[in-house]
Amino acid sequence: MSEEVDRKPLRMPKEGELFAVVTSHLGGNHVQLRCADGVERLGRIPGRMRFRTWIEEDDVVLAEPWDWQDEKATIEWRYTGQDAEQLRREGHIN
């Protein structure tokens, strides 16, 4: 019962988005991502997130790979540590 109390609705991937983990900061607004599909991508932090949301190594994020360059992606959402734990418990991420 306490597990149900701890559960809150989280933003899930929309079409074209996938879970990713930040593996390193590359400077500026770029990070290295390890995506759920097994591909390493260069992630770009968009301007709307740049100064409001701090993205650190090992953060779980939602990334949208670019249609025209699959090795790059835009970060769409960052999960808090507590939200990432909930995703792991529910089996959405490893």
PDB file of N, CA and C in Angstrom:
ATOM      1  N   MET A   1       0.811  -1.188   0.000  1.00  0.00           N
ATOM      2  CA  MET A   1       0.000   0.000   0.000  1.00  0.00           C
ATOM      3  C   MET A   1       0.861   1.262   0.000  1.00  0.00           C
ATOM      4  N   SER A   2       1.969   1.268   0.724  1.00  0.00           N
ATOM      5  CA  SER A   2       2.820   2.454   0.763  1.00  0.00           C
ATOM      6  C   SER A   2       3.445   2.722  -0.604  1.00  0.00           C
ATOM      7  N   GLU A   3       3.628   1.660  -1.405  1.00  0.00           N
ATOM      8  CA  GLU A   3       4.184   1.842  -2.746  1.00  0.00           C
ATOM      9  C   GLU A   3       3.224   2.649  -3.614  1.00  0.00           C
ATOM     10  N   GLU A   4       1.920   2.419  -3.465  1.00  0.00           N
ATOM     11  CA  GLU A   4       0.930   3.183  -4.225  1.00  0.00           C
ATOM     12  C   GLU A   4       0.926   4.643  -3.799  1.00  0.00           C
ATOM     13  N   VAL A   5       1.145   4.896  -2.517  1.00  0.00           N
ATOM     14  CA  VAL A   5       1.160   6.264  -2.011  1.00  0.00           C
ATOM     15  C   VAL A   5       2.360   7.010  -2.606  1.00  0.00           C
ATOM     16  N   ASP A   6       3.522   6.329  -2.738  1.00  0.00           N
ATOM     17  CA  ASP A   6       4.736   6.951  -3.262  1.00  0.00           C
ATOM     18  C   ASP A   6       4.656   7.215  -4.760  1.00  0.00           C
ATOM     19  N   ARG A   7       3.780   6.522  -5.462  1.00  0.00           N
ATOM     20  CA  ARG A   7       3.710   6.638  -6.909  1.00  0.00           C
ATOM     21  C   ARG A   7       3.051   7.953  -7.314  1.00  0.00           C
ATOM     22  N   LYS A   8       3.682   8.615  -8.277  1.00  0.00           N
ATOM     23  CA  LYS A   8       3.066   9.815  -8.823  1.00  0.00           C
ATOM     24  C   LYS A   8       3.129   9.722 -10.346  1.00  0.00           C
ATOM     25  N   PRO A   9       2.225  10.378 -11.042  1.00  0.00           N
ATOM     26  CA  PRO A   9       2.253  10.305 -12.506  1.00  0.00           C
ATOM     27  C   PRO A   9       3.483  11.024 -13.056  1.00  0.00           C
ATOM     28  N   LEU A  10       4.212  10.351 -13.924  1.00  0.00           N
ATOM     29  CA  LEU A  10       5.423  10.919 -14.504  1.00  0.00           C
ATOM     30  C   LEU A  10       5.238  11.130 -15.999  1.00  0.00           C
ATOM     31  N   ARG A  11       6.011  12.030 -16.542  1.00  0.00           N
ATOM     32  CA  ARG A  11       5.986  12.246 -17.990  1.00  0.00           C
ATOM     33  C   ARG A  11       6.656  11.051 -18.649  1.00  0.00           C
ATOM     34  N   MET A  12       5.936  10.401 -19.551  1.00  0.00           N
ATOM     35  CA  MET A  12       6.454   9.235 -20.255  1.00  0.00           C
ATOM     36  C   MET A  12       6.833   9.651 -21.675  1.00  0.00           C
ATOM     37  N   PRO A  13       7.688   8.846 -22.340  1.00  0.00           N
ATOM     38  CA  PRO A  13       8.124   9.217 -23.686  1.00  0.00           C
ATOM     39  C   PRO A  13       6.959   9.271 -24.672  1.00  0.00           C
ATOM     40  N   LYS A  14       6.939  10.328 -25.450  1.00  0.00           N
ATOM     41  CA  LYS A  14       5.975  10.432 -26.536  1.00  0.00           C
ATOM     42  C   LYS A  14       6.610   9.779 -27.761  1.00  0.00           C
ATOM     43  N   GLU A  15       5.907   9.762 -28.860  1.00  0.00           N
ATOM     44  CA  GLU A  15       6.448   9.158 -30.073  1.00  0.00           C
ATOM     45  C   GLU A  15       7.730   9.873 -30.487  1.00  0.00           C
ATOM     46  N   GLY A  16       8.777   9.106 -30.727  1.00  0.00           N
ATOM     47  CA  GLY A  16      10.055   9.678 -31.129  1.00  0.00           C
ATOM     48  C   GLY A  16      10.990   9.993 -29.971  1.00  0.00           C
ATOM     49  N   GLU A  17      10.517   9.883 -28.722  1.00  0.00           N
ATOM     50  CA  GLU A  17      11.357  10.158 -27.560  1.00  0.00           C
ATOM     51  C   GLU A  17      11.771   8.848 -26.898  1.00  0.00           C
ATOM     52  N   LEU A  18      12.884   8.884 -26.176  1.00  0.00           N
ATOM     53  CA  LEU A  18      13.308   7.700 -25.428  1.00  0.00           C
ATOM     54  C   LEU A  18      14.081   8.120 -24.189  1.00  0.00           C
ATOM     55  N   PHE A  19      14.175   7.179 -23.244  1.00  0.00           N
ATOM     56  CA  PHE A  19      14.927   7.441 -22.016  1.00  0.00           C
ATOM     57  C   PHE A  19      16.409   7.433 -22.330  1.00  0.00           C
ATOM     58  N   ALA A  20      17.169   8.250 -21.601  1.00  0.00           N
ATOM     59  CA  ALA A  20      18.624   8.292 -21.761  1.00  0.00           C
ATOM     60  C   ALA A  20      19.252   8.676 -20.427  1.00  0.00           C
ATOM     61  N   VAL A  21      20.521   8.323 -20.277  1.00  0.00           N
ATOM     62  CA  VAL A  21      21.285   8.687 -19.088  1.00  0.00           C
ATOM     63  C   VAL A  21      22.444   9.564 -19.529  1.00  0.00           C
ATOM     64  N   VAL A  22      22.669  10.659 -18.823  1.00  0.00           N
ATOM     65  CA  VAL A  22      23.776  11.564 -19.133  1.00  0.00           C
ATOM     66  C   VAL A  22      25.064  10.904 -18.650  1.00  0.00           C
ATOM     67  N   THR A  23      26.018  10.681 -19.571  1.00  0.00           N
ATOM     68  CA  THR A  23      27.280  10.046 -19.186  1.00  0.00           C
ATOM     69  C   THR A  23      28.390  11.058 -18.932  1.00  0.00           C
ATOM     70  N   SER A  24      28.343  12.224 -19.608  1.00  0.00           N
ATOM     71  CA  SER A  24      29.358  13.250 -19.339  1.00  0.00           C
ATOM     72  C   SER A  24      28.918  14.599 -19.896  1.00  0.00           C
ATOM     73  N   HIS A  25      29.485  15.659 -19.307  1.00  0.00           N
ATOM     74  CA  HIS A  25      29.268  17.022 -19.794  1.00  0.00           C
ATOM     75  C   HIS A  25      30.360  17.338 -20.799  1.00  0.00           C
ATOM     76  N   LEU A  26      29.996  17.938 -21.912  1.00  0.00           N
ATOM     77  CA  LEU A  26      30.974  18.261 -22.943  1.00  0.00           C
ATOM     78  C   LEU A  26      31.219  19.762 -23.040  1.00  0.00           C
ATOM     79  N   GLY A  27      30.594  20.521 -22.168  1.00  0.00           N
ATOM     80  CA  GLY A  27      30.777  21.957 -22.183  1.00  0.00           C
ATOM     81  C   GLY A  27      29.651  22.659 -22.911  1.00  0.00           C
ATOM     82  N   GLY A  28      29.412  23.891 -22.550  1.00  0.00           N
ATOM     83  CA  GLY A  28      28.326  24.643 -23.171  1.00  0.00           C
ATOM     84  C   GLY A  28      26.995  23.982 -22.900  1.00  0.00           C
ATOM     85  N   ASN A  29      26.253  23.769 -23.942  1.00  0.00           N
ATOM     86  CA  ASN A  29      24.936  23.145 -23.788  1.00  0.00           C
ATOM     87  C   ASN A  29      24.913  21.734 -24.369  1.00  0.00           C
ATOM     88  N   HIS A  30      26.053  21.030 -24.323  1.00  0.00           N
ATOM     89  CA  HIS A  30      26.127  19.678 -24.874  1.00  0.00           C
ATOM     90  C   HIS A  30      26.521  18.654 -23.811  1.00  0.00           C
ATOM     91  N   VAL A  31      25.902  17.481 -23.908  1.00  0.00           N
ATOM     92  CA  VAL A  31      26.212  16.364 -23.020  1.00  0.00           C
ATOM     93  C   VAL A  31      26.287  15.087 -23.856  1.00  0.00           C
ATOM     94  N   GLN A  32      26.938  14.078 -23.302  1.00  0.00           N
ATOM     95  CA  GLN A  32      26.974  12.762 -23.940  1.00  0.00           C
ATOM     96  C   GLN A  32      25.867  11.929 -23.308  1.00  0.00           C
ATOM     97  N   LEU A  33      25.062  11.239 -24.142  1.00  0.00           N
ATOM     98  CA  LEU A  33      23.927  10.440 -23.662  1.00  0.00           C
ATOM     99  C   LEU A  33      24.100   8.980 -24.021  1.00  0.00           C
ATOM    100  N   ARG A  34      23.660   8.096 -23.125  1.00  0.00           N
ATOM    101  CA  ARG A  34      23.526   6.673 -23.430  1.00  0.00           C
ATOM    102  C   ARG A  34      22.024   6.399 -23.465  1.00  0.00           C
ATOM    103  N   CYS A  35      21.511   6.189 -24.663  1.00  0.00           N
ATOM    104  CA  CYS A  35      20.067   6.067 -24.850  1.00  0.00           C
ATOM    105  C   CYS A  35      19.584   4.649 -24.613  1.00  0.00           C
ATOM    106  N   ALA A  36      18.282   4.508 -24.383  1.00  0.00           N
ATOM    107  CA  ALA A  36      17.675   3.207 -24.080  1.00  0.00           C
ATOM    108  C   ALA A  36      17.789   2.237 -25.250  1.00  0.00           C
ATOM    109  N   ASP A  37      17.945   2.738 -26.469  1.00  0.00           N
ATOM    110  CA  ASP A  37      18.089   1.845 -27.625  1.00  0.00           C
ATOM    111  C   ASP A  37      19.526   1.387 -27.826  1.00  0.00           C
ATOM    112  N   GLY A  38      20.423   1.738 -26.878  1.00  0.00           N
ATOM    113  CA  GLY A  38      21.808   1.274 -26.919  1.00  0.00           C
ATOM    114  C   GLY A  38      22.757   2.185 -27.685  1.00  0.00           C
ATOM    115  N   VAL A  39      22.273   3.275 -28.218  1.00  0.00           N
ATOM    116  CA  VAL A  39      23.095   4.186 -29.018  1.00  0.00           C
ATOM    117  C   VAL A  39      23.622   5.325 -28.148  1.00  0.00           C
ATOM    118  N   GLU A  40      24.917   5.656 -28.321  1.00  0.00           N
ATOM    119  CA  GLU A  40      25.503   6.839 -27.671  1.00  0.00           C
ATOM    120  C   GLU A  40      25.213   8.033 -28.569  1.00  0.00           C
ATOM    121  N   ARG A  41      24.668   9.089 -27.988  1.00  0.00           N
ATOM    122  CA  ARG A  41      24.333  10.277 -28.776  1.00  0.00           C
ATOM    123  C   ARG A  41      24.879  11.535 -28.112  1.00  0.00           C
ATOM    124  N   LEU A  42      25.088  12.551 -28.939  1.00  0.00           N
ATOM    125  CA  LEU A  42      25.436  13.876 -28.458  1.00  0.00           C
ATOM    126  C   LEU A  42      24.122  14.574 -28.136  1.00  0.00           C
ATOM    127  N   GLY A  43      23.928  14.971 -26.869  1.00  0.00           N
ATOM    128  CA  GLY A  43      22.690  15.607 -26.460  1.00  0.00           C
ATOM    129  C   GLY A  43      22.842  17.115 -26.383  1.00  0.00           C
ATOM    130  N   ARG A  44      21.810  17.818 -26.829  1.00  0.00           N
ATOM    131  CA  ARG A  44      21.810  19.277 -26.777  1.00  0.00           C
ATOM    132  C   ARG A  44      20.761  19.722 -25.769  1.00  0.00           C
ATOM    133  N   ILE A  45      21.167  20.603 -24.861  1.00  0.00           N
ATOM    134  CA  ILE A  45      20.239  21.163 -23.882  1.00  0.00           C
ATOM    135  C   ILE A  45      19.615  22.404 -24.519  1.00  0.00           C
ATOM    136  N   PRO A  46      18.304  22.415 -24.752  1.00  0.00           N
ATOM    137  CA  PRO A  46      17.686  23.563 -25.415  1.00  0.00           C
ATOM    138  C   PRO A  46      17.678  24.803 -24.519  1.00  0.00           C
ATOM    139  N   GLY A  47      17.543  25.957 -25.135  1.00  0.00           N
ATOM    140  CA  GLY A  47      17.573  27.225 -24.418  1.00  0.00           C
ATOM    141  C   GLY A  47      16.530  27.322 -23.326  1.00  0.00           C
ATOM    142  N   ARG A  48      15.340  26.727 -23.526  1.00  0.00           N
ATOM    143  CA  ARG A  48      14.275  26.813 -22.527  1.00  0.00           C
ATOM    144  C   ARG A  48      14.630  26.083 -21.239  1.00  0.00           C
ATOM    145  N   MET A  49      15.621  25.164 -21.294  1.00  0.00           N
ATOM    146  CA  MET A  49      16.037  24.415 -20.108  1.00  0.00           C
ATOM    147  C   MET A  49      17.380  24.889 -19.557  1.00  0.00           C
ATOM    148  N   ARG A  50      18.147  25.584 -20.349  1.00  0.00           N
ATOM    149  CA  ARG A  50      19.558  25.837 -20.051  1.00  0.00           C
ATOM    150  C   ARG A  50      19.805  26.432 -18.670  1.00  0.00           C
ATOM    151  N   PHE A  51      19.072  27.445 -18.279  1.00  0.00           N
ATOM    152  CA  PHE A  51      19.356  28.101 -17.002  1.00  0.00           C
ATOM    153  C   PHE A  51      18.348  27.750 -15.914  1.00  0.00           C
ATOM    154  N   ARG A  52      17.300  27.022 -16.266  1.00  0.00           N
ATOM    155  CA  ARG A  52      16.279  26.648 -15.281  1.00  0.00           C
ATOM    156  C   ARG A  52      16.469  25.245 -14.733  1.00  0.00           C
ATOM    157  N   THR A  53      17.031  24.370 -15.535  1.00  0.00           N
ATOM    158  CA  THR A  53      17.164  22.964 -15.160  1.00  0.00           C
ATOM    159  C   THR A  53      18.630  22.568 -15.257  1.00  0.00           C
ATOM    160  N   TRP A  54      19.245  22.256 -14.120  1.00  0.00           N
ATOM    161  CA  TRP A  54      20.638  21.829 -14.137  1.00  0.00           C
ATOM    162  C   TRP A  54      20.697  20.347 -14.440  1.00  0.00           C
ATOM    163  N   ILE A  55      21.450  19.990 -15.440  1.00  0.00           N
ATOM    164  CA  ILE A  55      21.583  18.591 -15.847  1.00  0.00           C
ATOM    165  C   ILE A  55      22.982  18.136 -15.475  1.00  0.00           C
ATOM    166  N   GLU A  56      23.050  17.074 -14.675  1.00  0.00           N
ATOM    167  CA  GLU A  56      24.311  16.545 -14.160  1.00  0.00           C
ATOM    168  C   GLU A  56      24.566  15.157 -14.740  1.00  0.00           C
ATOM    169  N   GLU A  57      25.770  14.644 -14.532  1.00  0.00           N
ATOM    170  CA  GLU A  57      26.080  13.272 -14.942  1.00  0.00           C
ATOM    171  C   GLU A  57      25.194  12.311 -14.177  1.00  0.00           C
ATOM    172  N   ASP A  58      24.817  11.220 -14.816  1.00  0.00           N
ATOM    173  CA  ASP A  58      23.961  10.157 -14.278  1.00  0.00           C
ATOM    174  C   ASP A  58      22.499  10.569 -14.140  1.00  0.00           C
ATOM    175  N   ASP A  59      22.107  11.745 -14.601  1.00  0.00           N
ATOM    176  CA  ASP A  59      20.690  12.114 -14.607  1.00  0.00           C
ATOM    177  C   ASP A  59      19.956  11.319 -15.682  1.00  0.00           C
ATOM    178  N   VAL A  60      18.728  10.964 -15.384  1.00  0.00           N
ATOM    179  CA  VAL A  60      17.867  10.305 -16.366  1.00  0.00           C
ATOM    180  C   VAL A  60      17.066  11.401 -17.065  1.00  0.00           C
ATOM    181  N   VAL A  61      17.065  11.361 -18.390  1.00  0.00           N
ATOM    182  CA  VAL A  61      16.392  12.384 -19.188  1.00  0.00           C
ATOM    183  C   VAL A  61      15.572  11.726 -20.280  1.00  0.00           C
ATOM    184  N   LEU A  62      14.677  12.498 -20.869  1.00  0.00           N
ATOM    185  CA  LEU A  62      13.998  12.088 -22.099  1.00  0.00           C
ATOM    186  C   LEU A  62      14.701  12.798 -23.239  1.00  0.00           C
ATOM    187  N   ALA A  63      15.073  12.060 -24.261  1.00  0.00           N
ATOM    188  CA  ALA A  63      15.765  12.644 -25.410  1.00  0.00           C
ATOM    189  C   ALA A  63      14.996  12.323 -26.681  1.00  0.00           C
ATOM    190  N   GLU A  64      15.029  13.267 -27.594  1.00  0.00           N
ATOM    191  CA  GLU A  64      14.399  13.064 -28.896  1.00  0.00           C
ATOM    192  C   GLU A  64      15.485  13.091 -29.970  1.00  0.00           C
ATOM    193  N   PRO A  65      15.833  11.905 -30.538  1.00  0.00           N
ATOM    194  CA  PRO A  65      16.858  11.866 -31.592  1.00  0.00           C
ATOM    195  C   PRO A  65      16.422  12.698 -32.799  1.00  0.00           C
ATOM    196  N   TRP A  66      17.407  13.328 -33.424  1.00  0.00           N
ATOM    197  CA  TRP A  66      17.125  14.141 -34.593  1.00  0.00           C
ATOM    198  C   TRP A  66      16.795  13.244 -35.773  1.00  0.00           C
ATOM    199  N   ASP A  67      15.830  13.650 -36.583  1.00  0.00           N
ATOM    200  CA  ASP A  67      15.449  12.886 -37.778  1.00  0.00           C
ATOM    201  C   ASP A  67      16.588  12.863 -38.800  1.00  0.00           C
ATOM    202  N   TRP A  68      17.294  13.967 -38.931  1.00  0.00           N
ATOM    203  CA  TRP A  68      18.289  14.108 -39.985  1.00  0.00           C
ATOM    204  C   TRP A  68      19.695  13.714 -39.548  1.00  0.00           C
ATOM    205  N   GLN A  69      19.932  13.535 -38.241  1.00  0.00           N
ATOM    206  CA  GLN A  69      21.228  13.105 -37.710  1.00  0.00           C
ATOM    207  C   GLN A  69      20.965  12.245 -36.487  1.00  0.00           C
ATOM    208  N   ASP A  70      20.912  10.944 -36.668  1.00  0.00           N
ATOM    209  CA  ASP A  70      20.518  10.049 -35.579  1.00  0.00           C
ATOM    210  C   ASP A  70      21.517  10.028 -34.429  1.00  0.00           C
ATOM    211  N   GLU A  71      22.763  10.465 -34.663  1.00  0.00           N
ATOM    212  CA  GLU A  71      23.757  10.434 -33.592  1.00  0.00           C
ATOM    213  C   GLU A  71      23.640  11.639 -32.656  1.00  0.00           C
ATOM    214  N   LYS A  72      22.637  12.493 -32.888  1.00  0.00           N
ATOM    215  CA  LYS A  72      22.408  13.648 -32.019  1.00  0.00           C
ATOM    216  C   LYS A  72      20.963  13.643 -31.529  1.00  0.00           C
ATOM    217  N   ALA A  73      20.742  14.295 -30.371  1.00  0.00           N
ATOM    218  CA  ALA A  73      19.394  14.331 -29.791  1.00  0.00           C
ATOM    219  C   ALA A  73      19.211  15.616 -29.002  1.00  0.00           C
ATOM    220  N   THR A  74      17.964  16.006 -28.845  1.00  0.00           N
ATOM    221  CA  THR A  74      17.614  17.148 -28.016  1.00  0.00           C
ATOM    222  C   THR A  74      17.018  16.634 -26.715  1.00  0.00           C
ATOM    223  N   ILE A  75      17.450  17.166 -25.601  1.00  0.00           N
ATOM    224  CA  ILE A  75      16.900  16.767 -24.306  1.00  0.00           C
ATOM    225  C   ILE A  75      15.565  17.476 -24.123  1.00  0.00           C
ATOM    226  N   GLU A  76      14.531  16.696 -23.825  1.00  0.00           N
ATOM    227  CA  GLU A  76      13.186  17.251 -23.679  1.00  0.00           C
ATOM    228  C   GLU A  76      12.747  17.370 -22.221  1.00  0.00           C
ATOM    229  N   TRP A  77      13.288  16.517 -21.338  1.00  0.00           N
ATOM    230  CA  TRP A  77      12.820  16.482 -19.949  1.00  0.00           C
ATOM    231  C   TRP A  77      13.895  15.883 -19.074  1.00  0.00           C
ATOM    232  N   ARG A  78      14.018  16.353 -17.833  1.00  0.00           N
ATOM    233  CA  ARG A  78      14.938  15.768 -16.853  1.00  0.00           C
ATOM    234  C   ARG A  78      14.128  15.267 -15.664  1.00  0.00           C
ATOM    235  N   TYR A  79      14.409  14.040 -15.248  1.00  0.00           N
ATOM    236  CA  TYR A  79      13.740  13.460 -14.083  1.00  0.00           C
ATOM    237  C   TYR A  79      14.562  13.729 -12.832  1.00  0.00           C
ATOM    238  N   THR A  80      13.880  13.971 -11.720  1.00  0.00           N
ATOM    239  CA  THR A  80      14.574  14.090 -10.437  1.00  0.00           C
ATOM    240  C   THR A  80      15.052  12.709 -10.027  1.00  0.00           C
ATOM    241  N   GLY A  81      15.910  12.638  -9.028  1.00  0.00           N
ATOM    242  CA  GLY A  81      16.400  11.348  -8.548  1.00  0.00           C
ATOM    243  C   GLY A  81      15.272  10.453  -8.069  1.00  0.00           C
ATOM    244  N   GLN A  82      14.300  11.028  -7.383  1.00  0.00           N
ATOM    245  CA  GLN A  82      13.157  10.266  -6.875  1.00  0.00           C
ATOM    246  C   GLN A  82      12.307   9.729  -8.035  1.00  0.00           C
ATOM    247  N   ASP A  83      12.101  10.544  -9.064  1.00  0.00           N
ATOM    248  CA  ASP A  83      11.337  10.103 -10.233  1.00  0.00           C
ATOM    249  C   ASP A  83      12.070   8.991 -10.979  1.00  0.00           C
ATOM    250  N   ALA A  84      13.403   9.104 -11.076  1.00  0.00           N
ATOM    251  CA  ALA A  84      14.197   8.072 -11.745  1.00  0.00           C
ATOM    252  C   ALA A  84      14.094   6.749 -10.987  1.00  0.00           C
ATOM    253  N   GLU A  85      14.100   6.813  -9.657  1.00  0.00           N
ATOM    254  CA  GLU A  85      13.935   5.591  -8.860  1.00  0.00           C
ATOM    255  C   GLU A  85      12.579   4.949  -9.114  1.00  0.00           C
ATOM    256  N   GLN A  86      11.547   5.759  -9.217  1.00  0.00           N
ATOM    257  CA  GLN A  86      10.210   5.234  -9.510  1.00  0.00           C
ATOM    258  C   GLN A  86      10.197   4.551 -10.881  1.00  0.00           C
ATOM    259  N   LEU A  87      10.852   5.153 -11.872  1.00  0.00           N
ATOM    260  CA  LEU A  87      10.931   4.541 -13.209  1.00  0.00           C
ATOM    261  C   LEU A  87      11.658   3.204 -13.156  1.00  0.00           C
ATOM    262  N   ARG A  88      12.727   3.119 -12.342  1.00  0.00           N
ATOM    263  CA  ARG A  88      13.455   1.847 -12.195  1.00  0.00           C
ATOM    264  C   ARG A  88      12.580   0.788 -11.514  1.00  0.00           C
ATOM    265  N   ARG A  89      11.873   1.187 -10.451  1.00  0.00           N
ATOM    266  CA  ARG A  89      10.993   0.243  -9.742  1.00  0.00           C
ATOM    267  C   ARG A  89       9.919  -0.307 -10.662  1.00  0.00           C
ATOM    268  N   GLU A  90       9.381   0.548 -11.534  1.00  0.00           N
ATOM    269  CA  GLU A  90       8.298   0.129 -12.420  1.00  0.00           C
ATOM    270  C   GLU A  90       8.808  -0.572 -13.674  1.00  0.00           C
ATOM    271  N   GLY A  91      10.148  -0.659 -13.836  1.00  0.00           N
ATOM    272  CA  GLY A  91      10.715  -1.408 -14.943  1.00  0.00           C
ATOM    273  C   GLY A  91      10.810  -0.657 -16.266  1.00  0.00           C
ATOM    274  N   HIS A  92      10.658   0.657 -16.236  1.00  0.00           N
ATOM    275  CA  HIS A  92      10.764   1.430 -17.482  1.00  0.00           C
ATOM    276  C   HIS A  92      12.224   1.616 -17.915  1.00  0.00           C
ATOM    277  N   ILE A  93      13.130   1.705 -16.929  1.00  0.00           N
ATOM    278  CA  ILE A  93      14.553   1.863 -17.217  1.00  0.00           C
ATOM    279  C   ILE A  93      15.351   0.895 -16.346  1.00  0.00           C
ATOM    280  N   ASN A  94      16.619   0.670 -16.716  1.00  0.00           N
ATOM    281  CA  ASN A  94      17.485  -0.215 -15.927  1.00  0.00           C
ATOM    282  C   ASN A  94      18.242   0.552 -14.874  1.00  0.00           C
TER     283      ASN A  94
END
